[in-house]
C-alpha atoms as a PDB file:
ATOM      1  CA  MET A   1     235.405  90.574 -34.536  1.00  0.00           C
ATOM      2  CA  ARG A   2     235.735  92.173 -37.950  1.00  0.00           C
ATOM      3  CA  LYS A   3     232.147  92.574 -39.189  1.00  0.00           C
ATOM      4  CA  VAL A   4     228.575  92.226 -37.884  1.00  0.00           C
ATOM      5  CA  ILE A   5     225.137  92.379 -39.489  1.00  0.00           C
ATOM      6  CA  ILE A   6     222.265  94.104 -37.805  1.00  0.00           C
ATOM      7  CA  THR A   7     218.656  93.783 -39.042  1.00  0.00           C
ATOM      8  CA  GLY A   8     216.186  96.380 -37.939  1.00  0.00           C
ATOM      9  CA  ALA A   9     219.135  98.644 -37.652  1.00  0.00           C
ATOM     10  CA  CYS A  10     217.341 101.892 -38.014  1.00  0.00           C
ATOM     11  CA  GLY A  11     215.448 101.403 -34.809  1.00  0.00           C
ATOM     12  CA  PHE A  12     216.508 102.694 -31.400  1.00  0.00           C
ATOM     13  CA  LEU A  13     218.292  99.505 -30.370  1.00  0.00           C
ATOM     14  CA  GLY A  14     219.761  98.840 -33.866  1.00  0.00           C
ATOM     15  CA  ARG A  15     221.234 102.339 -34.192  1.00  0.00           C
ATOM     16  CA  LYS A  16     222.729 102.240 -30.663  1.00  0.00           C
ATOM     17  CA  LEU A  17     224.364  98.833 -31.329  1.00  0.00           C
ATOM     18  CA  SER A  18     225.577 100.015 -34.680  1.00  0.00           C
ATOM     19  CA  GLU A  19     227.304 103.058 -33.174  1.00  0.00           C
ATOM     20  CA  ALA A  20     228.916 100.897 -30.406  1.00  0.00           C
ATOM     21  CA  PHE A  21     230.464  98.457 -32.902  1.00  0.00           C
ATOM     22  CA  ILE A  22     231.642 101.282 -35.127  1.00  0.00           C
ATOM     23  CA  SER A  23     233.333 102.898 -32.111  1.00  0.00           C
ATOM     24  CA  LYS A  24     235.265  99.628 -31.723  1.00  0.00           C
ATOM     25  CA  GLY A  25     236.458  99.734 -35.290  1.00  0.00           C
ATOM     26  CA  ILE A  26     234.125  96.914 -36.405  1.00  0.00           C
ATOM     27  CA  THR A  27     232.349  97.130 -39.710  1.00  0.00           C
ATOM     28  CA  VAL A  28     228.529  97.134 -39.458  1.00  0.00           C
ATOM     29  CA  TYR A  29     226.286  95.864 -42.269  1.00  0.00           C
ATOM     30  CA  ALA A  30     223.018  97.506 -41.406  1.00  0.00           C
ATOM     31  CA  ILE A  31     219.701  96.033 -42.944  1.00  0.00           C
ATOM     32  CA  ASP A  32     216.342  97.727 -42.656  1.00  0.00           C
ATOM     33  CA  CYS A  33     213.355  98.596 -44.862  1.00  0.00           C
ATOM     34  CA  ILE A  34     213.632 102.320 -44.981  1.00  0.00           C
ATOM     35  CA  ASP A  35     215.427 104.345 -47.734  1.00  0.00           C
ATOM     36  CA  PHE A  36     218.441 105.534 -45.795  1.00  0.00           C
ATOM     37  CA  PHE A  37     220.285 104.985 -42.485  1.00  0.00           C
ATOM     38  CA  PRO A  38     220.170 107.885 -39.971  1.00  0.00           C
ATOM     39  CA  ILE A  39     223.925 107.896 -39.379  1.00  0.00           C
ATOM     40  CA  SER A  40     226.876 107.972 -41.777  1.00  0.00           C
ATOM     41  CA  HIS A  41     230.351 106.439 -41.249  1.00  0.00           C
ATOM     42  CA  LYS A  42     232.892 104.688 -43.386  1.00  0.00           C
ATOM     43  CA  LEU A  43     232.457 101.546 -41.295  1.00  0.00           C
ATOM     44  CA  LEU A  44     228.616 101.582 -41.857  1.00  0.00           C
ATOM     45  CA  LYS A  45     227.372  99.740 -44.907  1.00  0.00           C
ATOM     46  CA  TYR A  46     223.599 100.111 -45.340  1.00  0.00           C
ATOM     47  CA  HIS A  47     221.270  97.785 -47.299  1.00  0.00           C
ATOM     48  CA  LYS A  48     217.581  98.464 -47.785  1.00  0.00           C
ATOM     49  CA  SER A  49     215.943  95.029 -47.710  1.00  0.00           C
ATOM     50  CA  ASP A  50     212.573  93.400 -47.448  1.00  0.00           C
ATOM     51  CA  ILE A  51     213.029  90.592 -44.883  1.00  0.00           C
ATOM     52  CA  GLU A  52     209.323  89.728 -44.916  1.00  0.00           C
ATOM     53  CA  GLY A  53     209.585  89.259 -48.684  1.00  0.00           C
ATOM     54  CA  ASN A  54     212.752  87.301 -48.300  1.00  0.00           C
ATOM     55  CA  ALA A  55     214.660  89.791 -50.397  1.00  0.00           C
ATOM     56  CA  PHE A  56     218.214  90.056 -48.944  1.00  0.00           C
ATOM     57  CA  PRO A  57     221.200  91.913 -50.314  1.00  0.00           C
ATOM     58  CA  SER A  58     223.567  89.970 -52.460  1.00  0.00           C
ATOM     59  CA  ASP A  59     226.712  91.725 -51.206  1.00  0.00           C
ATOM     60  CA  PRO A  60     229.473  89.102 -51.071  1.00  0.00           C
ATOM     61  CA  ASP A  61     231.024  90.942 -48.163  1.00  0.00           C
ATOM     62  CA  LEU A  62     228.200  89.775 -45.942  1.00  0.00           C
ATOM     63  CA  TYR A  63     229.505  86.230 -46.120  1.00  0.00           C
ATOM     64  CA  ASN A  64     231.306  84.871 -43.032  1.00  0.00           C
ATOM     65  CA  ALA A  65     230.215  87.736 -40.794  1.00  0.00           C
ATOM     66  CA  ASP A  66     231.133  87.176 -37.209  1.00  0.00           C
ATOM     67  CA  THR A  67     227.610  87.864 -35.808  1.00  0.00           C
ATOM     68  CA  LEU A  68     224.161  88.720 -37.031  1.00  0.00           C
ATOM     69  CA  PHE A  69     221.750  90.461 -34.592  1.00  0.00           C
ATOM     70  CA  HIS A  70     218.096  90.138 -35.711  1.00  0.00           C
ATOM     71  CA  PHE A  71     216.341  93.325 -34.314  1.00  0.00           C
ATOM     72  CA  ALA A  72     213.685  93.605 -37.093  1.00  0.00           C
ATOM     73  CA  TRP A  73     210.188  93.109 -35.676  1.00  0.00           C
ATOM     74  CA  ASN A  74     206.796  93.991 -37.103  1.00  0.00           C
ATOM     75  CA  GLY A  75     204.447  95.371 -34.406  1.00  0.00           C
ATOM     76  CA  VAL A  76     206.572  96.588 -31.503  1.00  0.00           C
ATOM     77  CA  HIS A  77     204.324  99.556 -30.774  1.00  0.00           C
ATOM     78  CA  PRO A  78     201.767  98.955 -27.974  1.00  0.00           C
ATOM     79  CA  ASP A  79     198.896  99.607 -30.347  1.00  0.00           C
ATOM     80  CA  TYR A  80     199.890  96.541 -32.349  1.00  0.00           C
ATOM     81  CA  ARG A  81     200.541  94.088 -29.531  1.00  0.00           C
ATOM     82  CA  ASN A  82     197.284  92.156 -30.162  1.00  0.00           C
ATOM     83  CA  ASP A  83     197.250  92.538 -33.968  1.00  0.00           C
ATOM     84  CA  TYR A  84     197.828  88.844 -34.590  1.00  0.00           C
ATOM     85  CA  GLU A  85     197.937  89.262 -38.366  1.00  0.00           C
ATOM     86  CA  ARG A  86     200.749  91.674 -38.070  1.00  0.00           C
ATOM     87  CA  GLN A  87     202.548  89.814 -35.298  1.00  0.00           C
ATOM     88  CA  SER A  88     202.406  86.482 -37.128  1.00  0.00           C
ATOM     89  CA  LYS A  89     204.465  87.960 -40.027  1.00  0.00           C
ATOM     90  CA  ASN A  90     207.477  87.884 -37.726  1.00  0.00           C
ATOM     91  CA  ILE A  91     207.546  84.000 -37.900  1.00  0.00           C
ATOM     92  CA  SER A  92     208.034  83.983 -41.651  1.00  0.00           C
ATOM     93  CA  SER A  93     210.598  86.766 -41.342  1.00  0.00           C
ATOM     94  CA  LEU A  94     212.442  84.740 -38.709  1.00  0.00           C
ATOM     95  CA  LEU A  95     212.509  81.695 -41.022  1.00  0.00           C
ATOM     96  CA  ASN A  96     213.869  83.873 -43.768  1.00  0.00           C
ATOM     97  CA  ILE A  97     216.651  85.157 -41.469  1.00  0.00           C
ATOM     98  CA  LEU A  98     217.631  81.673 -40.387  1.00  0.00           C
ATOM     99  CA  SER A  99     217.907  80.507 -43.997  1.00  0.00           C
ATOM    100  CA  PHE A 100     219.935  83.700 -44.777  1.00  0.00           C
ATOM    101  CA  VAL A 101     222.480  83.275 -42.050  1.00  0.00           C
ATOM    102  CA  GLN A 102     223.015  79.659 -42.994  1.00  0.00           C
ATOM    103  CA  ARG A 103     223.474  80.567 -46.615  1.00  0.00           C
ATOM    104  CA  ILE A 104     226.138  83.184 -45.979  1.00  0.00           C
ATOM    105  CA  ASN A 105     227.815  81.274 -43.128  1.00  0.00           C
ATOM    106  CA  VAL A 106     227.366  83.729 -40.243  1.00  0.00           C
ATOM    107  CA  LEU A 107     229.458  82.455 -37.271  1.00  0.00           C
ATOM    108  CA  LYS A 108     226.923  83.423 -34.554  1.00  0.00           C
ATOM    109  CA  THR A 109     223.260  84.546 -34.634  1.00  0.00           C
ATOM    110  CA  ILE A 110     221.826  86.525 -31.776  1.00  0.00           C
ATOM    111  CA  ILE A 111     218.046  87.155 -31.545  1.00  0.00           C
ATOM    112  CA  PRO A 112     216.393  89.177 -28.747  1.00  0.00           C
ATOM    113  CA  GLY A 113     213.124  87.918 -27.389  1.00  0.00           C
ATOM    114  CA  SER A 114     211.121  89.655 -24.775  1.00  0.00           C
ATOM    115  CA  ALA A 115     210.221  89.364 -21.060  1.00  0.00           C
ATOM    116  CA  SER A 116     206.644  89.336 -22.435  1.00  0.00           C
ATOM    117  CA  GLU A 117     207.183  85.716 -23.259  1.00  0.00           C
ATOM    118  CA  TYR A 118     206.971  84.978 -19.532  1.00  0.00           C
ATOM    119  CA  ALA A 119     204.428  87.581 -18.428  1.00  0.00           C
ATOM    120  CA  THR A 120     202.539  85.157 -16.205  1.00  0.00           C
ATOM    121  CA  SER A 121     205.561  83.585 -14.753  1.00  0.00           C
ATOM    122  CA  GLU A 122     205.765  83.896 -10.929  1.00  0.00           C
ATOM    123  CA  MET A 123     209.399  83.028 -10.910  1.00  0.00           C
ATOM    124  CA  PRO A 124     212.434  85.133 -11.975  1.00  0.00           C
ATOM    125  CA  ILE A 125     213.014  84.881 -15.760  1.00  0.00           C
ATOM    126  CA  THR A 126     216.044  82.909 -16.814  1.00  0.00           C
ATOM    127  CA  GLY A 127     215.122  82.487 -20.532  1.00  0.00           C
ATOM    128  CA  ASN A 128     214.240  78.824 -19.932  1.00  0.00           C
ATOM    129  CA  ASN A 129     210.971  79.173 -17.948  1.00  0.00           C
ATOM    130  CA  THR A 130     207.651  77.814 -19.209  1.00  0.00           C
ATOM    131  CA  PRO A 131     206.295  80.467 -21.576  1.00  0.00           C
ATOM    132  CA  GLY A 132     203.184  82.413 -20.438  1.00  0.00           C
ATOM    133  CA  ALA A 133     202.309  85.388 -22.652  1.00  0.00           C
ATOM    134  CA  ILE A 134     199.243  87.608 -22.164  1.00  0.00           C
ATOM    135  CA  ASP A 135     199.247  89.199 -25.547  1.00  0.00           C
ATOM    136  CA  GLY A 136     199.931  88.523 -29.256  1.00  0.00           C
ATOM    137  CA  TYR A 137     203.336  90.110 -29.129  1.00  0.00           C
ATOM    138  CA  GLY A 138     204.512  87.878 -26.263  1.00  0.00           C
ATOM    139  CA  ALA A 139     202.918  84.814 -27.806  1.00  0.00           C
ATOM    140  CA  ILE A 140     204.653  85.267 -31.142  1.00  0.00           C
ATOM    141  CA  LYS A 141     207.962  86.019 -29.446  1.00  0.00           C
ATOM    142  CA  SER A 142     207.580  82.722 -27.587  1.00  0.00           C
ATOM    143  CA  ALA A 143     206.889  80.941 -30.883  1.00  0.00           C
ATOM    144  CA  CYS A 144     209.921  82.410 -32.501  1.00  0.00           C
ATOM    145  CA  HIS A 145     212.019  81.392 -29.487  1.00  0.00           C
ATOM    146  CA  ILE A 146     211.001  77.745 -29.854  1.00  0.00           C
ATOM    147  CA  ILE A 147     211.386  77.786 -33.680  1.00  0.00           C
ATOM    148  CA  SER A 148     214.870  79.374 -33.413  1.00  0.00           C
ATOM    149  CA  HIS A 149     216.181  76.740 -31.119  1.00  0.00           C
ATOM    150  CA  ALA A 150     214.594  73.873 -33.030  1.00  0.00           C
ATOM    151  CA  TRP A 151     216.113  75.213 -36.291  1.00  0.00           C
ATOM    152  CA  ALA A 152     219.507  75.737 -34.618  1.00  0.00           C
ATOM    153  CA  GLN A 153     219.591  72.134 -33.341  1.00  0.00           C
ATOM    154  CA  GLN A 154     218.520  70.621 -36.550  1.00  0.00           C
ATOM    155  CA  ASN A 155     220.922  72.632 -38.684  1.00  0.00           C
ATOM    156  CA  ASN A 156     223.851  72.962 -36.362  1.00  0.00           C
ATOM    157  CA  LEU A 157     223.428  76.717 -36.272  1.00  0.00           C
ATOM    158  CA  PRO A 158     225.265  78.679 -33.510  1.00  0.00           C
ATOM    159  CA  LEU A 159     222.353  80.669 -32.186  1.00  0.00           C
ATOM    160  CA  ILE A 160     221.747  82.564 -28.933  1.00  0.00           C
ATOM    161  CA  TRP A 161     218.285  83.741 -27.765  1.00  0.00           C
ATOM    162  CA  VAL A 162     218.364  86.819 -25.461  1.00  0.00           C
ATOM    163  CA  VAL A 163     215.403  87.678 -23.165  1.00  0.00           C
ATOM    164  CA  PRO A 164     215.826  91.370 -22.295  1.00  0.00           C
ATOM    165  CA  SER A 165     213.902  93.207 -19.654  1.00  0.00           C
ATOM    166  CA  SER A 166     212.593  96.665 -20.432  1.00  0.00           C
ATOM    167  CA  ILE A 167     215.173  98.981 -21.926  1.00  0.00           C
ATOM    168  CA  TYR A 168     215.263 102.753 -21.353  1.00  0.00           C
ATOM    169  CA  GLY A 169     217.506 105.667 -22.001  1.00  0.00           C
ATOM    170  CA  PRO A 170     217.978 108.888 -24.014  1.00  0.00           C
ATOM    171  CA  GLY A 171     216.548 108.558 -27.532  1.00  0.00           C
ATOM    172  CA  ARG A 172     213.833 105.981 -26.790  1.00  0.00           C
ATOM    173  CA  ASN A 173     210.578 107.779 -27.490  1.00  0.00           C
ATOM    174  CA  ASP A 174     207.638 105.446 -27.791  1.00  0.00           C
ATOM    175  CA  ASN A 175     204.614 104.743 -25.646  1.00  0.00           C
ATOM    176  CA  ASN A 176     206.204 102.593 -22.956  1.00  0.00           C
ATOM    177  CA  ALA A 177     205.449 103.252 -19.302  1.00  0.00           C
ATOM    178  CA  LEU A 178     208.517 105.313 -18.535  1.00  0.00           C
ATOM    179  CA  THR A 179     208.215 107.532 -21.622  1.00  0.00           C
ATOM    180  CA  TYR A 180     204.573 107.998 -21.070  1.00  0.00           C
ATOM    181  CA  THR A 181     205.174 109.046 -17.482  1.00  0.00           C
ATOM    182  CA  ILE A 182     208.021 111.476 -18.289  1.00  0.00           C
ATOM    183  CA  LYS A 183     206.188 113.220 -21.153  1.00  0.00           C
ATOM    184  CA  THR A 184     202.901 113.472 -19.273  1.00  0.00           C
ATOM    185  CA  LEU A 185     204.626 114.994 -16.206  1.00  0.00           C
ATOM    186  CA  LEU A 186     206.721 117.304 -18.268  1.00  0.00           C
ATOM    187  CA  ASN A 187     203.527 118.629 -19.779  1.00  0.00           C
ATOM    188  CA  GLY A 188     202.134 119.273 -16.315  1.00  0.00           C
ATOM    189  CA  GLU A 189     199.424 116.574 -16.631  1.00  0.00           C
ATOM    190  CA  LYS A 190     198.582 113.658 -14.450  1.00  0.00           C
ATOM    191  CA  PRO A 191     199.461 110.192 -15.713  1.00  0.00           C
ATOM    192  CA  THR A 192     197.092 107.319 -14.826  1.00  0.00           C
ATOM    193  CA  PHE A 193     198.064 103.719 -14.128  1.00  0.00           C
ATOM    194  CA  THR A 194     197.082 100.387 -12.736  1.00  0.00           C
ATOM    195  CA  ALA A 195     198.100  99.697  -9.117  1.00  0.00           C
ATOM    196  CA  LEU A 196     201.635  98.987 -10.495  1.00  0.00           C
ATOM    197  CA  GLU A 197     202.229  96.119  -8.076  1.00  0.00           C
ATOM    198  CA  GLN A 198     204.247  94.067 -10.580  1.00  0.00           C
ATOM    199  CA  ARG A 199     207.932  93.665  -9.941  1.00  0.00           C
ATOM    200  CA  TRP A 200     209.912  95.066 -12.846  1.00  0.00           C
ATOM    201  CA  ASP A 201     213.474  95.106 -14.120  1.00  0.00           C
ATOM    202  CA  TYR A 202     214.751  98.057 -16.162  1.00  0.00           C
ATOM    203  CA  ILE A 203     218.161  98.166 -17.882  1.00  0.00           C
ATOM    204  CA  TYR A 204     219.751 101.352 -19.145  1.00  0.00           C
ATOM    205  CA  ILE A 205     220.564 101.348 -22.899  1.00  0.00           C
ATOM    206  CA  ASP A 206     224.324 101.533 -22.434  1.00  0.00           C
ATOM    207  CA  ASP A 207     224.339  98.462 -20.202  1.00  0.00           C
ATOM    208  CA  PHE A 208     222.052  96.632 -22.687  1.00  0.00           C
ATOM    209  CA  ILE A 209     224.400  97.351 -25.562  1.00  0.00           C
ATOM    210  CA  ASN A 210     227.491  96.329 -23.558  1.00  0.00           C
ATOM    211  CA  ALA A 211     225.792  92.993 -22.676  1.00  0.00           C
ATOM    212  CA  LEU A 212     225.047  92.247 -26.271  1.00  0.00           C
ATOM    213  CA  MET A 213     228.629  92.911 -27.304  1.00  0.00           C
ATOM    214  CA  LEU A 214     229.783  90.574 -24.575  1.00  0.00           C
ATOM    215  CA  ILE A 215     227.295  87.910 -25.721  1.00  0.00           C
ATOM    216  CA  ALA A 216     228.642  88.188 -29.232  1.00  0.00           C
ATOM    217  CA  GLU A 217     232.136  87.640 -27.927  1.00  0.00           C
ATOM    218  CA  LYS A 218     231.694  85.112 -25.169  1.00  0.00           C
ATOM    219  CA  GLY A 219     228.068  83.841 -25.269  1.00  0.00           C
ATOM    220  CA  VAL A 220     227.605  80.117 -25.507  1.00  0.00           C
ATOM    221  CA  ALA A 221     225.766  78.896 -28.655  1.00  0.00           C
ATOM    222  CA  CYS A 222     222.300  77.347 -28.181  1.00  0.00           C
ATOM    223  CA  LYS A 223     221.762  79.024 -24.801  1.00  0.00           C
ATOM    224  CA  SER A 224     219.028  81.515 -23.779  1.00  0.00           C
ATOM    225  CA  TYR A 225     220.128  84.380 -21.603  1.00  0.00           C
ATOM    226  CA  ALA A 226     217.939  86.619 -19.429  1.00  0.00           C
ATOM    227  CA  LEU A 227     219.317  90.190 -19.808  1.00  0.00           C
ATOM    228  CA  GLY A 228     218.425  92.970 -17.349  1.00  0.00           C
ATOM    229  CA  TYR A 229     219.762  94.905 -14.462  1.00  0.00           C
ATOM    230  CA  GLY A 230     219.247  91.869 -12.274  1.00  0.00           C
ATOM    231  CA  LYS A 231     217.345  93.667  -9.434  1.00  0.00           C
ATOM    232  CA  ALA A 232     213.611  94.123  -9.611  1.00  0.00           C
ATOM    233  CA  ARG A 233     211.521  96.733  -7.886  1.00  0.00           C
ATOM    234  CA  ALA A 234     207.739  97.265  -7.767  1.00  0.00           C
ATOM    235  CA  LEU A 235     206.704  99.249 -10.858  1.00  0.00           C
ATOM    236  CA  HIS A 236     205.131 102.043  -8.807  1.00  0.00           C
ATOM    237  CA  GLU A 237     208.599 102.764  -7.233  1.00  0.00           C
ATOM    238  CA  TYR A 238     210.033 103.525 -10.613  1.00  0.00           C
ATOM    239  CA  ILE A 239     207.185 105.849 -11.482  1.00  0.00           C
ATOM    240  CA  THR A 240     207.508 107.636  -8.189  1.00  0.00           C
ATOM    241  CA  VAL A 241     211.226 108.172  -8.769  1.00  0.00           C
ATOM    242  CA  ILE A 242     210.479 109.822 -12.040  1.00  0.00           C
ATOM    243  CA  ARG A 243     207.827 112.096 -10.572  1.00  0.00           C
ATOM    244  CA  ASP A 244     210.121 113.075  -7.670  1.00  0.00           C
ATOM    245  CA  ILE A 245     212.909 114.044 -10.068  1.00  0.00           C
ATOM    246  CA  ILE A 246     210.609 116.195 -12.228  1.00  0.00           C
ATOM    247  CA  ASN A 247     208.467 117.695  -9.481  1.00  0.00           C
ATOM    248  CA  PRO A 248     207.581 115.798  -6.247  1.00  0.00           C
ATOM    249  CA  THR A 249     204.383 117.828  -5.822  1.00  0.00           C
ATOM    250  CA  LEU A 250     202.751 116.481  -9.082  1.00  0.00           C
ATOM    251  CA  PRO A 251     199.917 113.924  -8.673  1.00  0.00           C
ATOM    252  CA  LEU A 252     200.155 110.309  -9.862  1.00  0.00           C
ATOM    253  CA  GLY A 253     197.040 108.390 -10.901  1.00  0.00           C
ATOM    254  CA  ILE A 254     198.244 105.073  -9.569  1.00  0.00           C
ATOM    255  CA  GLY A 255     195.373 102.563  -9.239  1.00  0.00           C
ATOM    256  CA  GLU A 256     193.074 104.465 -11.621  1.00  0.00           C
ATOM    257  CA  ARG A 257     193.283 101.788 -14.389  1.00  0.00           C
ATOM    258  CA  SER A 258     192.615  98.021 -14.343  1.00  0.00           C
ATOM    259  CA  TYR A 259     195.174  95.400 -15.341  1.00  0.00           C
ATOM    260  CA  LYS A 260     194.618  94.183 -18.797  1.00  0.00           C
ATOM    261  CA  SER A 261     194.736  90.486 -17.839  1.00  0.00           C
ATOM    262  CA  GLY A 262     193.168  90.906 -14.415  1.00  0.00           C
ATOM    263  CA  LYS A 263     196.508  90.604 -12.617  1.00  0.00           C
ATOM    264  CA  PRO A 264     199.927  92.171 -12.805  1.00  0.00           C
ATOM    265  CA  ASP A 265     202.621  90.665 -15.163  1.00  0.00           C
ATOM    266  CA  ASN A 266     206.070  90.468 -13.689  1.00  0.00           C
ATOM    267  CA  SER A 267     209.532  91.054 -15.209  1.00  0.00           C
ATOM    268  CA  GLU A 268     212.042  89.864 -12.646  1.00  0.00           C
ATOM    269  CA  MET A 269     215.255  88.820 -14.330  1.00  0.00           C
ATOM    270  CA  ASP A 270     217.796  86.200 -13.193  1.00  0.00           C
ATOM    271  CA  ILE A 271     220.983  87.259 -15.067  1.00  0.00           C
ATOM    272  CA  SER A 272     223.361  84.795 -13.197  1.00  0.00           C
ATOM    273  CA  GLU A 273     224.010  82.660 -16.354  1.00  0.00           C
ATOM    274  CA  LEU A 274     224.846  85.774 -18.410  1.00  0.00           C
ATOM    275  CA  GLU A 275     227.174  87.042 -15.669  1.00  0.00           C
ATOM    276  CA  LYS A 276     228.880  83.589 -15.451  1.00  0.00           C
ATOM    277  CA  ASP A 277     229.415  83.154 -19.095  1.00  0.00           C
ATOM    278  CA  THR A 278     230.308  86.652 -20.187  1.00  0.00           C
ATOM    279  CA  GLY A 279     231.305  88.545 -17.134  1.00  0.00           C
ATOM    280  CA  PHE A 280     228.619  91.161 -17.701  1.00  0.00           C
ATOM    281  CA  THR A 281     227.882  93.496 -14.790  1.00  0.00           C
ATOM    282  CA  PRO A 282     225.340  96.333 -15.161  1.00  0.00           C
ATOM    283  CA  LEU A 283     226.739  99.716 -14.215  1.00  0.00           C
ATOM    284  CA  ILE A 284     223.991 102.297 -14.392  1.00  0.00           C
ATOM    285  CA  PRO A 285     221.352 102.153 -11.550  1.00  0.00           C
ATOM    286  CA  PHE A 286     217.856 103.258 -12.356  1.00  0.00           C
ATOM    287  CA  ASP A 287     218.060 106.531 -10.443  1.00  0.00           C
ATOM    288  CA  GLU A 288     221.081 107.622 -12.409  1.00  0.00           C
ATOM    289  CA  GLY A 289     219.923 106.450 -15.777  1.00  0.00           C
ATOM    290  CA  ILE A 290     216.412 107.945 -15.545  1.00  0.00           C
ATOM    291  CA  LYS A 291     217.872 111.370 -14.739  1.00  0.00           C
ATOM    292  CA  LYS A 292     219.811 111.226 -17.992  1.00  0.00           C
ATOM    293  CA  THR A 293     216.687 110.142 -19.803  1.00  0.00           C
ATOM    294  CA  ILE A 294     214.572 112.928 -18.345  1.00  0.00           C
ATOM    295  CA  GLU A 295     217.190 115.563 -19.318  1.00  0.00           C
ATOM    296  CA  TRP A 296     217.093 114.193 -22.853  1.00  0.00           C
ATOM    297  CA  PHE A 297     213.336 114.641 -23.047  1.00  0.00           C
ATOM    298  CA  LYS A 298     213.567 118.114 -21.684  1.00  0.00           C
ATOM    299  CA  GLU A 299     216.051 119.041 -24.411  1.00  0.00           C
ATOM    300  CA  ASN A 300     214.555 117.191 -27.360  1.00  0.00           C
ATOM    301  CA  ILE A 301     210.798 117.003 -26.877  1.00  0.00           C
END
């Protein structure tokens, strides 16, 4: 590959992917809506753009890019998961992106969905299960998944939809379950949870980025890939590991909250298709990755 385009490039995942491609000598055209990109490099070309407003850069160097990764998403924060007005804007942004990649002749388009598309599924997620969302975020991700594949088939567009499990690692600092647990315990406070019975899959950021690069290189167009560590555990086990690393005497308020939908939502990933097509193998087990993540929080927060 010579050049890639990344939308939503200023976010946690976009920055990490940009840095990974640059380290391989690949030019990155970063697109986001903020005024400047947080890293500087001769192989990094930043364009401030309004994807929702269908205002894309006119740079002729964008033409014939090897791959476009569409990370831009309005409403990722948990507080906006059921803001349907905000979430629905992502559909028009997606249509703008699909038109854009056709116009500039991108060779492959990769769009990450979410395990939230299949929150009610009682089977391991393959990326081809029957959708079952429990919030607006998951519902709109499902809609975009269906729209993307319909567009790709109608317009002969080489597109791959990726369904990632939960991603963690140094640098991710939002209100997800792991971050909430780490920050609360480091402050000497007791975090509170549901019963945490759901089986969950967590993938370390370095493994996630490696998988995306392999999909860009070897992924089969028009497929959907589940992307995770490939081994699920009950969510309370992950939380207990975090507590034991920080201080095994600290209390955990497991069971002190109710499930939002009345039952746990699972995120158990079947990554066999991804392994077969790309040779991907996750390398960082949770116990190792979460130690690195906790150390980052100790040093930075």
